[in-house]
PDB file of N, CA and C in Angstrom:
ATOM      1  N   MET A   1       0.818  -1.197   0.000  1.00  0.00           N
ATOM      2  CA  MET A   1       0.000   0.000   0.000  1.00  0.00           C
ATOM      3  C   MET A   1       0.864   1.263   0.000  1.00  0.00           C
ATOM      4  N   ILE A   2       1.946   1.224   0.775  1.00  0.00           N
ATOM      5  CA  ILE A   2       2.831   2.384   0.847  1.00  0.00           C
ATOM      6  C   ILE A   2       3.472   2.638  -0.510  1.00  0.00           C
ATOM      7  N   GLU A   3       3.893   1.553  -1.183  1.00  0.00           N
ATOM      8  CA  GLU A   3       4.518   1.715  -2.500  1.00  0.00           C
ATOM      9  C   GLU A   3       3.528   2.281  -3.515  1.00  0.00           C
ATOM     10  N   LYS A   4       2.285   1.850  -3.450  1.00  0.00           N
ATOM     11  CA  LYS A   4       1.264   2.372  -4.364  1.00  0.00           C
ATOM     12  C   LYS A   4       1.060   3.864  -4.130  1.00  0.00           C
ATOM     13  N   ASP A   5       1.021   4.291  -2.874  1.00  0.00           N
ATOM     14  CA  ASP A   5       0.894   5.713  -2.561  1.00  0.00           C
ATOM     15  C   ASP A   5       2.086   6.497  -3.094  1.00  0.00           C
ATOM     16  N   TYR A   6       3.278   5.925  -2.957  1.00  0.00           N
ATOM     17  CA  TYR A   6       4.495   6.573  -3.453  1.00  0.00           C
ATOM     18  C   TYR A   6       4.425   6.752  -4.967  1.00  0.00           C
ATOM     19  N   ILE A   7       4.004   5.726  -5.668  1.00  0.00           N
ATOM     20  CA  ILE A   7       3.887   5.806  -7.132  1.00  0.00           C
ATOM     21  C   ILE A   7       2.842   6.837  -7.524  1.00  0.00           C
ATOM     22  N   LEU A   8       1.728   6.872  -6.819  1.00  0.00           N
ATOM     23  CA  LEU A   8       0.698   7.868  -7.107  1.00  0.00           C
ATOM     24  C   LEU A   8       1.221   9.291  -6.902  1.00  0.00           C
ATOM     25  N   ARG A   9       2.036   9.487  -5.881  1.00  0.00           N
ATOM     26  CA  ARG A   9       2.650  10.806  -5.665  1.00  0.00           C
ATOM     27  C   ARG A   9       3.593  11.155  -6.813  1.00  0.00           C
ATOM     28  N   GLN A  10       4.355  10.171  -7.286  1.00  0.00           N
ATOM     29  CA  GLN A  10       5.252  10.408  -8.420  1.00  0.00           C
ATOM     30  C   GLN A  10       4.455  10.804  -9.663  1.00  0.00           C
ATOM     31  N   VAL A  11       3.398  10.075  -9.924  1.00  0.00           N
ATOM     32  CA  VAL A  11       2.549  10.379 -11.082  1.00  0.00           C
ATOM     33  C   VAL A  11       1.979  11.786 -10.941  1.00  0.00           C
ATOM     34  N   HIS A  12       1.510  12.109  -9.748  1.00  0.00           N
ATOM     35  CA  HIS A  12       0.941  13.432  -9.490  1.00  0.00           C
ATOM     36  C   HIS A  12       1.981  14.523  -9.748  1.00  0.00           C
ATOM     37  N   GLN A  13       3.214  14.320  -9.298  1.00  0.00           N
ATOM     38  CA  GLN A  13       4.278  15.297  -9.536  1.00  0.00           C
ATOM     39  C   GLN A  13       4.529  15.483 -11.035  1.00  0.00           C
ATOM     40  N   LEU A  14       4.547  14.397 -11.775  1.00  0.00           N
ATOM     41  CA  LEU A  14       4.791  14.486 -13.216  1.00  0.00           C
ATOM     42  C   LEU A  14       3.643  15.183 -13.927  1.00  0.00           C
ATOM     43  N   VAL A  15       2.422  14.911 -13.505  1.00  0.00           N
ATOM     44  CA  VAL A  15       1.262  15.556 -14.127  1.00  0.00           C
ATOM     45  C   VAL A  15       1.255  17.053 -13.817  1.00  0.00           C
ATOM     46  N   GLN A  16       1.591  17.408 -12.590  1.00  0.00           N
ATOM     47  CA  GLN A  16       1.683  18.833 -12.248  1.00  0.00           C
ATOM     48  C   GLN A  16       2.771  19.514 -13.078  1.00  0.00           C
ATOM     49  N   ALA A  17       3.893  18.850 -13.247  1.00  0.00           N
ATOM     50  CA  ALA A  17       4.976  19.410 -14.055  1.00  0.00           C
ATOM     51  C   ALA A  17       4.538  19.563 -15.503  1.00  0.00           C
ATOM     52  N   LEU A  18       3.820  18.577 -16.023  1.00  0.00           N
ATOM     53  CA  LEU A  18       3.333  18.658 -17.398  1.00  0.00           C
ATOM     54  C   LEU A  18       2.422  19.867 -17.569  1.00  0.00           C
ATOM     55  N   ALA A  19       1.545  20.090 -16.609  1.00  0.00           N
ATOM     56  CA  ALA A  19       0.655  21.255 -16.678  1.00  0.00           C
ATOM     57  C   ALA A  19       1.465  22.551 -16.682  1.00  0.00           C
ATOM     58  N   ALA A  20       2.483  22.624 -15.841  1.00  0.00           N
ATOM     59  CA  ALA A  20       3.330  23.824 -15.790  1.00  0.00           C
ATOM     60  C   ALA A  20       4.106  23.999 -17.090  1.00  0.00           C
ATOM     61  N   VAL A  21       4.605  22.910 -17.645  1.00  0.00           N
ATOM     62  CA  VAL A  21       5.340  22.969 -18.916  1.00  0.00           C
ATOM     63  C   VAL A  21       4.426  23.477 -20.024  1.00  0.00           C
ATOM     64  N   LEU A  22       3.243  22.896 -20.125  1.00  0.00           N
ATOM     65  CA  LEU A  22       2.307  23.305 -21.183  1.00  0.00           C
ATOM     66  C   LEU A  22       1.889  24.766 -21.024  1.00  0.00           C
ATOM     67  N   PHE A  23       1.609  25.181 -19.797  1.00  0.00           N
ATOM     68  CA  PHE A  23       1.216  26.561 -19.536  1.00  0.00           C
ATOM     69  C   PHE A  23       2.315  27.526 -19.955  1.00  0.00           C
ATOM     70  N   ASN A  24       3.534  27.240 -19.551  1.00  0.00           N
ATOM     71  CA  ASN A  24       4.648  28.138 -19.865  1.00  0.00           C
ATOM     72  C   ASN A  24       5.006  28.127 -21.348  1.00  0.00           C
ATOM     73  N   LYS A  25       4.889  26.985 -21.996  1.00  0.00           N
ATOM     74  CA  LYS A  25       5.142  26.946 -23.439  1.00  0.00           C
ATOM     75  C   LYS A  25       4.121  27.801 -24.175  1.00  0.00           C
ATOM     76  N   LYS A  26       2.869  27.687 -23.758  1.00  0.00           N
ATOM     77  CA  LYS A  26       1.803  28.466 -24.393  1.00  0.00           C
ATOM     78  C   LYS A  26       2.018  29.966 -24.188  1.00  0.00           C
ATOM     79  N   ALA A  27       2.567  30.332 -23.027  1.00  0.00           N
ATOM     80  CA  ALA A  27       2.822  31.737 -22.710  1.00  0.00           C
ATOM     81  C   ALA A  27       4.142  32.237 -23.306  1.00  0.00           C
ATOM     82  N   GLY A  28       4.828  31.364 -24.041  1.00  0.00           N
ATOM     83  CA  GLY A  28       6.074  31.770 -24.672  1.00  0.00           C
ATOM     84  C   GLY A  28       7.270  31.781 -23.740  1.00  0.00           C
ATOM     85  N   ARG A  29       7.151  31.111 -22.608  1.00  0.00           N
ATOM     86  CA  ARG A  29       8.245  31.060 -21.631  1.00  0.00           C
ATOM     87  C   ARG A  29       8.907  29.679 -21.684  1.00  0.00           C
ATOM     88  N   GLN A  30       9.609  29.440 -22.776  1.00  0.00           N
ATOM     89  CA  GLN A  30      10.229  28.141 -23.031  1.00  0.00           C
ATOM     90  C   GLN A  30      11.246  27.760 -21.948  1.00  0.00           C
ATOM     91  N   GLU A  31      12.040  28.718 -21.524  1.00  0.00           N
ATOM     92  CA  GLU A  31      13.067  28.423 -20.520  1.00  0.00           C
ATOM     93  C   GLU A  31      12.431  27.988 -19.200  1.00  0.00           C
ATOM     94  N   LEU A  32      11.364  28.644 -18.808  1.00  0.00           N
ATOM     95  CA  LEU A  32      10.663  28.264 -17.576  1.00  0.00           C
ATOM     96  C   LEU A  32      10.018  26.882 -17.737  1.00  0.00           C
ATOM     97  N   ALA A  33       9.489  26.607 -18.913  1.00  0.00           N
ATOM     98  CA  ALA A  33       8.916  25.282 -19.179  1.00  0.00           C
ATOM     99  C   ALA A  33       9.986  24.207 -19.024  1.00  0.00           C
ATOM    100  N   GLU A  34      11.170  24.458 -19.564  1.00  0.00           N
ATOM    101  CA  GLU A  34      12.267  23.495 -19.449  1.00  0.00           C
ATOM    102  C   GLU A  34      12.696  23.319 -17.997  1.00  0.00           C
ATOM    103  N   ASP A  35      12.682  24.398 -17.238  1.00  0.00           N
ATOM    104  CA  ASP A  35      13.033  24.319 -15.816  1.00  0.00           C
ATOM    105  C   ASP A  35      12.064  23.401 -15.063  1.00  0.00           C
ATOM    106  N   HIS A  36      10.773  23.533 -15.347  1.00  0.00           N
ATOM    107  CA  HIS A  36       9.769  22.674 -14.698  1.00  0.00           C
ATOM    108  C   HIS A  36       9.987  21.213 -15.076  1.00  0.00           C
ATOM    109  N   LEU A  37      10.283  20.967 -16.326  1.00  0.00           N
ATOM    110  CA  LEU A  37      10.525  19.607 -16.800  1.00  0.00           C
ATOM    111  C   LEU A  37      11.736  19.008 -16.082  1.00  0.00           C
ATOM    112  N   MET A  38      12.826  19.762 -16.042  1.00  0.00           N
ATOM    113  CA  MET A  38      14.054  19.279 -15.401  1.00  0.00           C
ATOM    114  C   MET A  38      13.843  19.027 -13.902  1.00  0.00           C
ATOM    115  N   GLN A  39      13.166  19.942 -13.238  1.00  0.00           N
ATOM    116  CA  GLN A  39      12.929  19.812 -11.807  1.00  0.00           C
ATOM    117  C   GLN A  39      12.108  18.559 -11.504  1.00  0.00           C
ATOM    118  N   ALA A  40      11.092  18.307 -12.292  1.00  0.00           N
ATOM    119  CA  ALA A  40      10.245  17.131 -12.064  1.00  0.00           C
ATOM    120  C   ALA A  40      11.042  15.842 -12.250  1.00  0.00           C
ATOM    121  N   LEU A  41      11.871  15.799 -13.277  1.00  0.00           N
ATOM    122  CA  LEU A  41      12.666  14.594 -13.521  1.00  0.00           C
ATOM    123  C   LEU A  41      13.650  14.342 -12.382  1.00  0.00           C
ATOM    124  N   ARG A  42      14.237  15.411 -11.872  1.00  0.00           N
ATOM    125  CA  ARG A  42      15.171  15.260 -10.754  1.00  0.00           C
ATOM    126  C   ARG A  42      14.438  14.799  -9.491  1.00  0.00           C
ATOM    127  N   GLN A  43      13.264  15.365  -9.239  1.00  0.00           N
ATOM    128  CA  GLN A  43      12.513  15.002  -8.029  1.00  0.00           C
ATOM    129  C   GLN A  43      12.023  13.561  -8.079  1.00  0.00           C
ATOM    130  N   VAL A  44      11.481  13.166  -9.201  1.00  0.00           N
ATOM    131  CA  VAL A  44      10.845  11.854  -9.289  1.00  0.00           C
ATOM    132  C   VAL A  44      11.840  10.737  -9.571  1.00  0.00           C
ATOM    133  N   PHE A  45      12.762  10.976 -10.511  1.00  0.00           N
ATOM    134  CA  PHE A  45      13.658   9.904 -10.943  1.00  0.00           C
ATOM    135  C   PHE A  45      15.118  10.089 -10.534  1.00  0.00           C
ATOM    136  N   LYS A  46      15.422  11.225  -9.892  1.00  0.00           N
ATOM    137  CA  LYS A  46      16.800  11.523  -9.473  1.00  0.00           C
ATOM    138  C   LYS A  46      17.761  11.526 -10.674  1.00  0.00           C
ATOM    139  N   ARG A  47      17.249  11.958 -11.812  1.00  0.00           N
ATOM    140  CA  ARG A  47      18.034  12.053 -13.040  1.00  0.00           C
ATOM    141  C   ARG A  47      17.664  13.332 -13.766  1.00  0.00           C
ATOM    142  N   ASP A  48      18.616  13.831 -14.535  1.00  0.00           N
ATOM    143  CA  ASP A  48      18.287  15.002 -15.342  1.00  0.00           C
ATOM    144  C   ASP A  48      17.898  14.548 -16.751  1.00  0.00           C
ATOM    145  N   LEU A  49      17.522  15.488 -17.551  1.00  0.00           N
ATOM    146  CA  LEU A  49      17.025  15.185 -18.889  1.00  0.00           C
ATOM    147  C   LEU A  49      18.087  14.523 -19.750  1.00  0.00           C
ATOM    148  N   ASP A  50      19.313  14.989 -19.671  1.00  0.00           N
ATOM    149  CA  ASP A  50      20.394  14.375 -20.457  1.00  0.00           C
ATOM    150  C   ASP A  50      20.586  12.915 -20.080  1.00  0.00           C
ATOM    151  N   GLN A  51      20.495  12.602 -18.802  1.00  0.00           N
ATOM    152  CA  GLN A  51      20.638  11.213 -18.365  1.00  0.00           C
ATOM    153  C   GLN A  51      19.486  10.355 -18.899  1.00  0.00           C
ATOM    154  N   LEU A  52      18.277  10.896 -18.877  1.00  0.00           N
ATOM    155  CA  LEU A  52      17.137  10.133 -19.400  1.00  0.00           C
ATOM    156  C   LEU A  52      17.246   9.929 -20.904  1.00  0.00           C
ATOM    157  N   ARG A  53      17.759  10.926 -21.597  1.00  0.00           N
ATOM    158  CA  ARG A  53      17.933  10.808 -23.050  1.00  0.00           C
ATOM    159  C   ARG A  53      18.949   9.728 -23.414  1.00  0.00           C
ATOM    160  N   ALA A  54      19.847   9.407 -22.486  1.00  0.00           N
ATOM    161  CA  ALA A  54      20.939   8.483 -22.776  1.00  0.00           C
ATOM    162  C   ALA A  54      20.642   7.035 -22.389  1.00  0.00           C
ATOM    163  N   ILE A  55      19.578   6.788 -21.639  1.00  0.00           N
ATOM    164  CA  ILE A  55      19.356   5.424 -21.158  1.00  0.00           C
ATOM    165  C   ILE A  55      18.669   4.563 -22.216  1.00  0.00           C
ATOM    166  N   SER A  56      18.828   3.266 -22.039  1.00  0.00           N
ATOM    167  CA  SER A  56      18.269   2.297 -22.987  1.00  0.00           C
ATOM    168  C   SER A  56      16.779   2.074 -22.736  1.00  0.00           C
ATOM    169  N   ARG A  57      16.180   1.351 -23.651  1.00  0.00           N
ATOM    170  CA  ARG A  57      14.755   1.010 -23.511  1.00  0.00           C
ATOM    171  C   ARG A  57      14.502   0.238 -22.219  1.00  0.00           C
ATOM    172  N   SER A  58      15.336  -0.748 -21.938  1.00  0.00           N
ATOM    173  CA  SER A  58      15.112  -1.544 -20.722  1.00  0.00           C
ATOM    174  C   SER A  58      15.308  -0.700 -19.464  1.00  0.00           C
ATOM    175  N   GLU A  59      16.249   0.234 -19.510  1.00  0.00           N
ATOM    176  CA  GLU A  59      16.473   1.088 -18.339  1.00  0.00           C
ATOM    177  C   GLU A  59      15.299   2.025 -18.081  1.00  0.00           C
ATOM    178  N   ILE A  60      14.715   2.577 -19.143  1.00  0.00           N
ATOM    179  CA  ILE A  60      13.586   3.494 -18.932  1.00  0.00           C
ATOM    180  C   ILE A  60      12.350   2.719 -18.465  1.00  0.00           C
ATOM    181  N   ILE A  61      12.220   1.498 -18.927  1.00  0.00           N
ATOM    182  CA  ILE A  61      11.112   0.661 -18.457  1.00  0.00           C
ATOM    183  C   ILE A  61      11.327   0.307 -16.985  1.00  0.00           C
ATOM    184  N   ASP A  62      12.579   0.056 -16.607  1.00  0.00           N
ATOM    185  CA  ASP A  62      12.879  -0.204 -15.195  1.00  0.00           C
ATOM    186  C   ASP A  62      12.559   1.004 -14.314  1.00  0.00           C
ATOM    187  N   LEU A  63      12.779   2.218 -14.844  1.00  0.00           N
ATOM    188  CA  LEU A  63      12.433   3.421 -14.079  1.00  0.00           C
ATOM    189  C   LEU A  63      10.947   3.460 -13.752  1.00  0.00           C
ATOM    190  N   CYS A  64      10.153   2.895 -14.632  1.00  0.00           N
ATOM    191  CA  CYS A  64       8.698   2.892 -14.448  1.00  0.00           C
ATOM    192  C   CYS A  64       8.222   1.588 -13.815  1.00  0.00           C
ATOM    193  N   SER A  65       9.151   0.877 -13.219  1.00  0.00           N
ATOM    194  CA  SER A  65       8.848  -0.375 -12.521  1.00  0.00           C
ATOM    195  C   SER A  65       9.444  -0.344 -11.122  1.00  0.00           C
ATOM    196  N   PRO A  66       9.026   0.640 -10.321  1.00  0.00           N
ATOM    197  CA  PRO A  66       9.604   0.710  -8.969  1.00  0.00           C
ATOM    198  C   PRO A  66       9.276  -0.555  -8.181  1.00  0.00           C
ATOM    199  N   GLY A  67      10.286  -1.084  -7.515  1.00  0.00           N
ATOM    200  CA  GLY A  67      10.077  -2.317  -6.759  1.00  0.00           C
ATOM    201  C   GLY A  67       9.858  -3.523  -7.641  1.00  0.00           C
ATOM    202  N   GLY A  68      10.149  -3.391  -8.943  1.00  0.00           N
ATOM    203  CA  GLY A  68       9.995  -4.503  -9.872  1.00  0.00           C
ATOM    204  C   GLY A  68       8.609  -4.657 -10.470  1.00  0.00           C
ATOM    205  N   ALA A  69       7.674  -3.801 -10.086  1.00  0.00           N
ATOM    206  CA  ALA A  69       6.302  -3.884 -10.611  1.00  0.00           C
ATOM    207  C   ALA A  69       6.039  -2.732 -11.586  1.00  0.00           C
ATOM    208  N   TRP A  70       5.697  -3.052 -12.802  1.00  0.00           N
ATOM    209  CA  TRP A  70       5.421  -2.067 -13.838  1.00  0.00           C
ATOM    210  C   TRP A  70       4.289  -1.134 -13.413  1.00  0.00           C
ATOM    211  N   SER A  71       4.473   0.155 -13.663  1.00  0.00           N
ATOM    212  CA  SER A  71       3.423   1.144 -13.414  1.00  0.00           C
ATOM    213  C   SER A  71       3.112   1.859 -14.718  1.00  0.00           C
ATOM    214  N   GLY A  72       2.028   1.484 -15.336  1.00  0.00           N
ATOM    215  CA  GLY A  72       1.616   2.118 -16.579  1.00  0.00           C
ATOM    216  C   GLY A  72       1.313   3.592 -16.392  1.00  0.00           C
ATOM    217  N   ASP A  73       0.739   3.950 -15.259  1.00  0.00           N
ATOM    218  CA  ASP A  73       0.441   5.360 -14.999  1.00  0.00           C
ATOM    219  C   ASP A  73       1.713   6.197 -14.945  1.00  0.00           C
ATOM    220  N   LEU A  74       2.720   5.670 -14.290  1.00  0.00           N
ATOM    221  CA  LEU A  74       3.995   6.376 -14.206  1.00  0.00           C
ATOM    222  C   LEU A  74       4.638   6.480 -15.585  1.00  0.00           C
ATOM    223  N   ALA A  75       4.586   5.409 -16.342  1.00  0.00           N
ATOM    224  CA  ALA A  75       5.166   5.398 -17.688  1.00  0.00           C
ATOM    225  C   ALA A  75       4.471   6.401 -18.603  1.00  0.00           C
ATOM    226  N   LEU A  76       3.156   6.439 -18.556  1.00  0.00           N
ATOM    227  CA  LEU A  76       2.419   7.375 -19.408  1.00  0.00           C
ATOM    228  C   LEU A  76       2.665   8.821 -19.013  1.00  0.00           C
ATOM    229  N   ALA A  77       2.755   9.072 -17.717  1.00  0.00           N
ATOM    230  CA  ALA A  77       3.034  10.435 -17.258  1.00  0.00           C
ATOM    231  C   ALA A  77       4.427  10.869 -17.710  1.00  0.00           C
ATOM    232  N   LEU A  78       5.406   9.971 -17.601  1.00  0.00           N
ATOM    233  CA  LEU A  78       6.758  10.291 -18.060  1.00  0.00           C
ATOM    234  C   LEU A  78       6.783  10.469 -19.574  1.00  0.00           C
ATOM    235  N   ALA A  79       6.093   9.612 -20.304  1.00  0.00           N
ATOM    236  CA  ALA A  79       6.046   9.731 -21.766  1.00  0.00           C
ATOM    237  C   ALA A  79       5.451  11.069 -22.180  1.00  0.00           C
ATOM    238  N   ASP A  80       4.376  11.471 -21.526  1.00  0.00           N
ATOM    239  CA  ASP A  80       3.745  12.752 -21.858  1.00  0.00           C
ATOM    240  C   ASP A  80       4.692  13.916 -21.581  1.00  0.00           C
ATOM    241  N   LEU A  81       5.457  13.825 -20.519  1.00  0.00           N
ATOM    242  CA  LEU A  81       6.406  14.884 -20.190  1.00  0.00           C
ATOM    243  C   LEU A  81       7.566  14.903 -21.193  1.00  0.00           C
ATOM    244  N   LEU A  82       8.094  13.738 -21.525  1.00  0.00           N
ATOM    245  CA  LEU A  82       9.181  13.668 -22.505  1.00  0.00           C
ATOM    246  C   LEU A  82       8.735  14.134 -23.885  1.00  0.00           C
ATOM    247  N   ARG A  83       7.485  13.934 -24.174  1.00  0.00           N
ATOM    248  CA  ARG A  83       6.923  14.368 -25.462  1.00  0.00           C
ATOM    249  C   ARG A  83       7.039  15.873 -25.637  1.00  0.00           C
ATOM    250  N   GLU A  84       7.033  16.602 -24.531  1.00  0.00           N
ATOM    251  CA  GLU A  84       7.098  18.063 -24.589  1.00  0.00           C
ATOM    252  C   GLU A  84       8.522  18.589 -24.775  1.00  0.00           C
ATOM    253  N   ASP A  85       9.507  17.727 -24.601  1.00  0.00           N
ATOM    254  CA  ASP A  85      10.881  18.121 -24.861  1.00  0.00           C
ATOM    255  C   ASP A  85      11.097  18.057 -26.374  1.00  0.00           C
ATOM    256  N   GLY A  86      11.865  18.969 -26.898  1.00  0.00           N
ATOM    257  CA  GLY A  86      12.065  19.031 -28.342  1.00  0.00           C
ATOM    258  C   GLY A  86      13.078  18.055 -28.903  1.00  0.00           C
ATOM    259  N   ALA A  87      13.794  17.344 -28.057  1.00  0.00           N
ATOM    260  CA  ALA A  87      14.869  16.465 -28.526  1.00  0.00           C
ATOM    261  C   ALA A  87      14.335  15.133 -29.042  1.00  0.00           C
ATOM    262  N   SER A  88      14.906  14.683 -30.130  1.00  0.00           N
ATOM    263  CA  SER A  88      14.468  13.418 -30.727  1.00  0.00           C
ATOM    264  C   SER A  88      14.713  12.238 -29.793  1.00  0.00           C
ATOM    265  N   ARG A  89      15.761  12.296 -28.993  1.00  0.00           N
ATOM    266  CA  ARG A  89      16.041  11.196 -28.058  1.00  0.00           C
ATOM    267  C   ARG A  89      14.967  11.133 -26.959  1.00  0.00           C
ATOM    268  N   SER A  90      14.436  12.272 -26.556  1.00  0.00           N
ATOM    269  CA  SER A  90      13.316  12.274 -25.606  1.00  0.00           C
ATOM    270  C   SER A  90      12.077  11.693 -26.252  1.00  0.00           C
ATOM    271  N   HIS A  91      11.855  12.053 -27.501  1.00  0.00           N
ATOM    272  CA  HIS A  91      10.693  11.526 -28.226  1.00  0.00           C
ATOM    273  C   HIS A  91      10.805  10.008 -28.388  1.00  0.00           C
ATOM    274  N   GLU A  92      12.013   9.534 -28.666  1.00  0.00           N
ATOM    275  CA  GLU A  92      12.222   8.102 -28.819  1.00  0.00           C
ATOM    276  C   GLU A  92      11.859   7.371 -27.527  1.00  0.00           C
ATOM    277  N   ARG A  93      12.266   7.924 -26.396  1.00  0.00           N
ATOM    278  CA  ARG A  93      11.966   7.296 -25.122  1.00  0.00           C
ATOM    279  C   ARG A  93      10.475   7.374 -24.793  1.00  0.00           C
ATOM    280  N   ALA A  94       9.827   8.456 -25.193  1.00  0.00           N
ATOM    281  CA  ALA A  94       8.377   8.548 -25.014  1.00  0.00           C
ATOM    282  C   ALA A  94       7.679   7.450 -25.818  1.00  0.00           C
ATOM    283  N   VAL A  95       8.130   7.239 -27.042  1.00  0.00           N
ATOM    284  CA  VAL A  95       7.563   6.163 -27.873  1.00  0.00           C
ATOM    285  C   VAL A  95       7.748   4.819 -27.181  1.00  0.00           C
ATOM    286  N   TRP A  96       8.945   4.566 -26.654  1.00  0.00           N
ATOM    287  CA  TRP A  96       9.188   3.298 -25.954  1.00  0.00           C
ATOM    288  C   TRP A  96       8.211   3.100 -24.810  1.00  0.00           C
ATOM    289  N   LEU A  97       7.946   4.170 -24.073  1.00  0.00           N
ATOM    290  CA  LEU A  97       7.041   4.063 -22.921  1.00  0.00           C
ATOM    291  C   LEU A  97       5.593   3.849 -23.360  1.00  0.00           C
ATOM    292  N   TYR A  98       5.168   4.559 -24.399  1.00  0.00           N
ATOM    293  CA  TYR A  98       3.811   4.328 -24.926  1.00  0.00           C
ATOM    294  C   TYR A  98       3.672   2.884 -25.413  1.00  0.00           C
ATOM    295  N   GLU A  99       4.681   2.403 -26.137  1.00  0.00           N
ATOM    296  CA  GLU A  99       4.630   1.028 -26.640  1.00  0.00           C
ATOM    297  C   GLU A  99       4.612   0.022 -25.491  1.00  0.00           C
ATOM    298  N   ALA A 100       5.406   0.275 -24.461  1.00  0.00           N
ATOM    299  CA  ALA A 100       5.421  -0.632 -23.309  1.00  0.00           C
ATOM    300  C   ALA A 100       4.055  -0.658 -22.623  1.00  0.00           C
ATOM    301  N   ALA A 101       3.428   0.501 -22.494  1.00  0.00           N
ATOM    302  CA  ALA A 101       2.100   0.550 -21.879  1.00  0.00           C
ATOM    303  C   ALA A 101       1.104  -0.276 -22.700  1.00  0.00           C
ATOM    304  N   LEU A 102       1.215  -0.200 -24.010  1.00  0.00           N
ATOM    305  CA  LEU A 102       0.350  -1.017 -24.864  1.00  0.00           C
ATOM    306  C   LEU A 102       0.659  -2.503 -24.683  1.00  0.00           C
ATOM    307  N   GLU A 103       1.948  -2.844 -24.652  1.00  0.00           N
ATOM    308  CA  GLU A 103       2.356  -4.240 -24.501  1.00  0.00           C
ATOM    309  C   GLU A 103       1.900  -4.832 -23.163  1.00  0.00           C
ATOM    310  N   PHE A 104       1.941  -4.020 -22.108  1.00  0.00           N
ATOM    311  CA  PHE A 104       1.524  -4.496 -20.785  1.00  0.00           C
ATOM    312  C   PHE A 104       0.003  -4.483 -20.618  1.00  0.00           C
ATOM    313  N   GLY A 105      -0.710  -3.965 -21.605  1.00  0.00           N
ATOM    314  CA  GLY A 105      -2.169  -3.961 -21.542  1.00  0.00           C
ATOM    315  C   GLY A 105      -2.760  -2.896 -20.644  1.00  0.00           C
ATOM    316  N   ASP A 106      -2.011  -1.805 -20.450  1.00  0.00           N
ATOM    317  CA  ASP A 106      -2.509  -0.721 -19.614  1.00  0.00           C
ATOM    318  C   ASP A 106      -3.596   0.071 -20.321  1.00  0.00           C
ATOM    319  N   LEU A 107      -4.387   0.788 -19.521  1.00  0.00           N
ATOM    320  CA  LEU A 107      -5.305   1.752 -20.090  1.00  0.00           C
ATOM    321  C   LEU A 107      -4.469   2.904 -20.638  1.00  0.00           C
ATOM    322  N   VAL A 108      -4.672   3.214 -21.890  1.00  0.00           N
ATOM    323  CA  VAL A 108      -3.887   4.256 -22.544  1.00  0.00           C
ATOM    324  C   VAL A 108      -4.826   5.285 -23.145  1.00  0.00           C
ATOM    325  N   PRO A 109      -4.325   6.477 -23.419  1.00  0.00           N
ATOM    326  CA  PRO A 109      -5.167   7.479 -24.076  1.00  0.00           C
ATOM    327  C   PRO A 109      -5.657   6.951 -25.433  1.00  0.00           C
ATOM    328  N   LEU A 110      -6.836   7.369 -25.814  1.00  0.00           N
ATOM    329  CA  LEU A 110      -7.400   6.896 -27.074  1.00  0.00           C
ATOM    330  C   LEU A 110      -6.522   7.251 -28.271  1.00  0.00           C
ATOM    331  N   ASP A 111      -5.785   8.336 -28.161  1.00  0.00           N
ATOM    332  CA  ASP A 111      -4.959   8.771 -29.289  1.00  0.00           C
ATOM    333  C   ASP A 111      -3.505   8.306 -29.177  1.00  0.00           C
ATOM    334  N   VAL A 112      -3.247   7.244 -28.428  1.00  0.00           N
ATOM    335  CA  VAL A 112      -1.864   6.817 -28.198  1.00  0.00           C
ATOM    336  C   VAL A 112      -1.150   6.475 -29.507  1.00  0.00           C
ATOM    337  N   HIS A 113      -1.848   5.863 -30.446  1.00  0.00           N
ATOM    338  CA  HIS A 113      -1.208   5.518 -31.723  1.00  0.00           C
ATOM    339  C   HIS A 113      -0.854   6.773 -32.518  1.00  0.00           C
ATOM    340  N   GLN A 114      -1.707   7.783 -32.456  1.00  0.00           N
ATOM    341  CA  GLN A 114      -1.407   9.053 -33.117  1.00  0.00           C
ATOM    342  C   GLN A 114      -0.217   9.743 -32.438  1.00  0.00           C
ATOM    343  N   ARG A 115      -0.146   9.654 -31.120  1.00  0.00           N
ATOM    344  CA  ARG A 115       0.985  10.241 -30.399  1.00  0.00           C
ATOM    345  C   ARG A 115       2.290   9.579 -30.835  1.00  0.00           C
ATOM    346  N   ILE A 116       2.256   8.260 -30.918  1.00  0.00           N
ATOM    347  CA  ILE A 116       3.457   7.523 -31.336  1.00  0.00           C
ATOM    348  C   ILE A 116       3.870   7.932 -32.738  1.00  0.00           C
ATOM    349  N   GLU A 117       2.916   7.970 -33.645  1.00  0.00           N
ATOM    350  CA  GLU A 117       3.239   8.349 -35.029  1.00  0.00           C
ATOM    351  C   GLU A 117       3.760   9.774 -35.120  1.00  0.00           C
ATOM    352  N   ALA A 118       3.154  10.694 -34.385  1.00  0.00           N
ATOM    353  CA  ALA A 118       3.595  12.089 -34.404  1.00  0.00           C
ATOM    354  C   ALA A 118       5.016  12.222 -33.870  1.00  0.00           C
ATOM    355  N   LEU A 119       5.359  11.407 -32.891  1.00  0.00           N
ATOM    356  CA  LEU A 119       6.719  11.457 -32.347  1.00  0.00           C
ATOM    357  C   LEU A 119       7.727  10.817 -33.290  1.00  0.00           C
ATOM    358  N   ARG A 120       7.293   9.873 -34.069  1.00  0.00           N
ATOM    359  CA  ARG A 120       8.186   9.194 -35.014  1.00  0.00           C
ATOM    360  C   ARG A 120       8.403   9.985 -36.302  1.00  0.00           C
ATOM    361  N   GLU A 121       7.390  10.653 -36.776  1.00  0.00           N
ATOM    362  CA  GLU A 121       7.437  11.294 -38.102  1.00  0.00           C
ATOM    363  C   GLU A 121       8.586  12.267 -38.275  1.00  0.00           C
ATOM    364  N   PRO A 122       8.744  13.282 -37.421  1.00  0.00           N
ATOM    365  CA  PRO A 122       9.782  14.278 -37.705  1.00  0.00           C
ATOM    366  C   PRO A 122      11.197  13.716 -37.674  1.00  0.00           C
ATOM    367  N   GLU A 123      11.462  12.750 -36.828  1.00  0.00           N
ATOM    368  CA  GLU A 123      12.822  12.256 -36.668  1.00  0.00           C
ATOM    369  C   GLU A 123      13.069  10.960 -37.412  1.00  0.00           C
ATOM    370  N   GLY A 124      12.005  10.329 -37.889  1.00  0.00           N
ATOM    371  CA  GLY A 124      12.164   9.049 -38.567  1.00  0.00           C
ATOM    372  C   GLY A 124      12.538   7.919 -37.614  1.00  0.00           C
ATOM    373  N   LEU A 125      11.989   7.960 -36.403  1.00  0.00           N
ATOM    374  CA  LEU A 125      12.304   6.905 -35.424  1.00  0.00           C
ATOM    375  C   LEU A 125      11.792   5.561 -35.870  1.00  0.00           C
TER     376      LEU A 125
END
């Protein structure tokens, strides 16, 4: 029960960060949006954006499996946040997380396939 509460707090932090990122991007404050993204990644995963961009598919899936149990909610929240970063390596990792959520049979957004395609198109992932 304690671990589930911890994961829910992590998801909540990522969702709050996503809202702040989207708000600041819309207001034209890109640097502040990036600051919110970086802060959330450090708080939740103890890693910065460059470190997340460099990890493998299995490592990013492990990040979303605290205690060895996959958390689709955590993976989707991280994927949505990485989607807002402009780097192709972040987009690649977001695709991996969306695909993993599909593979694990999680509830996913109805437009998950469109999200994956949109992330793949510009970079040719």
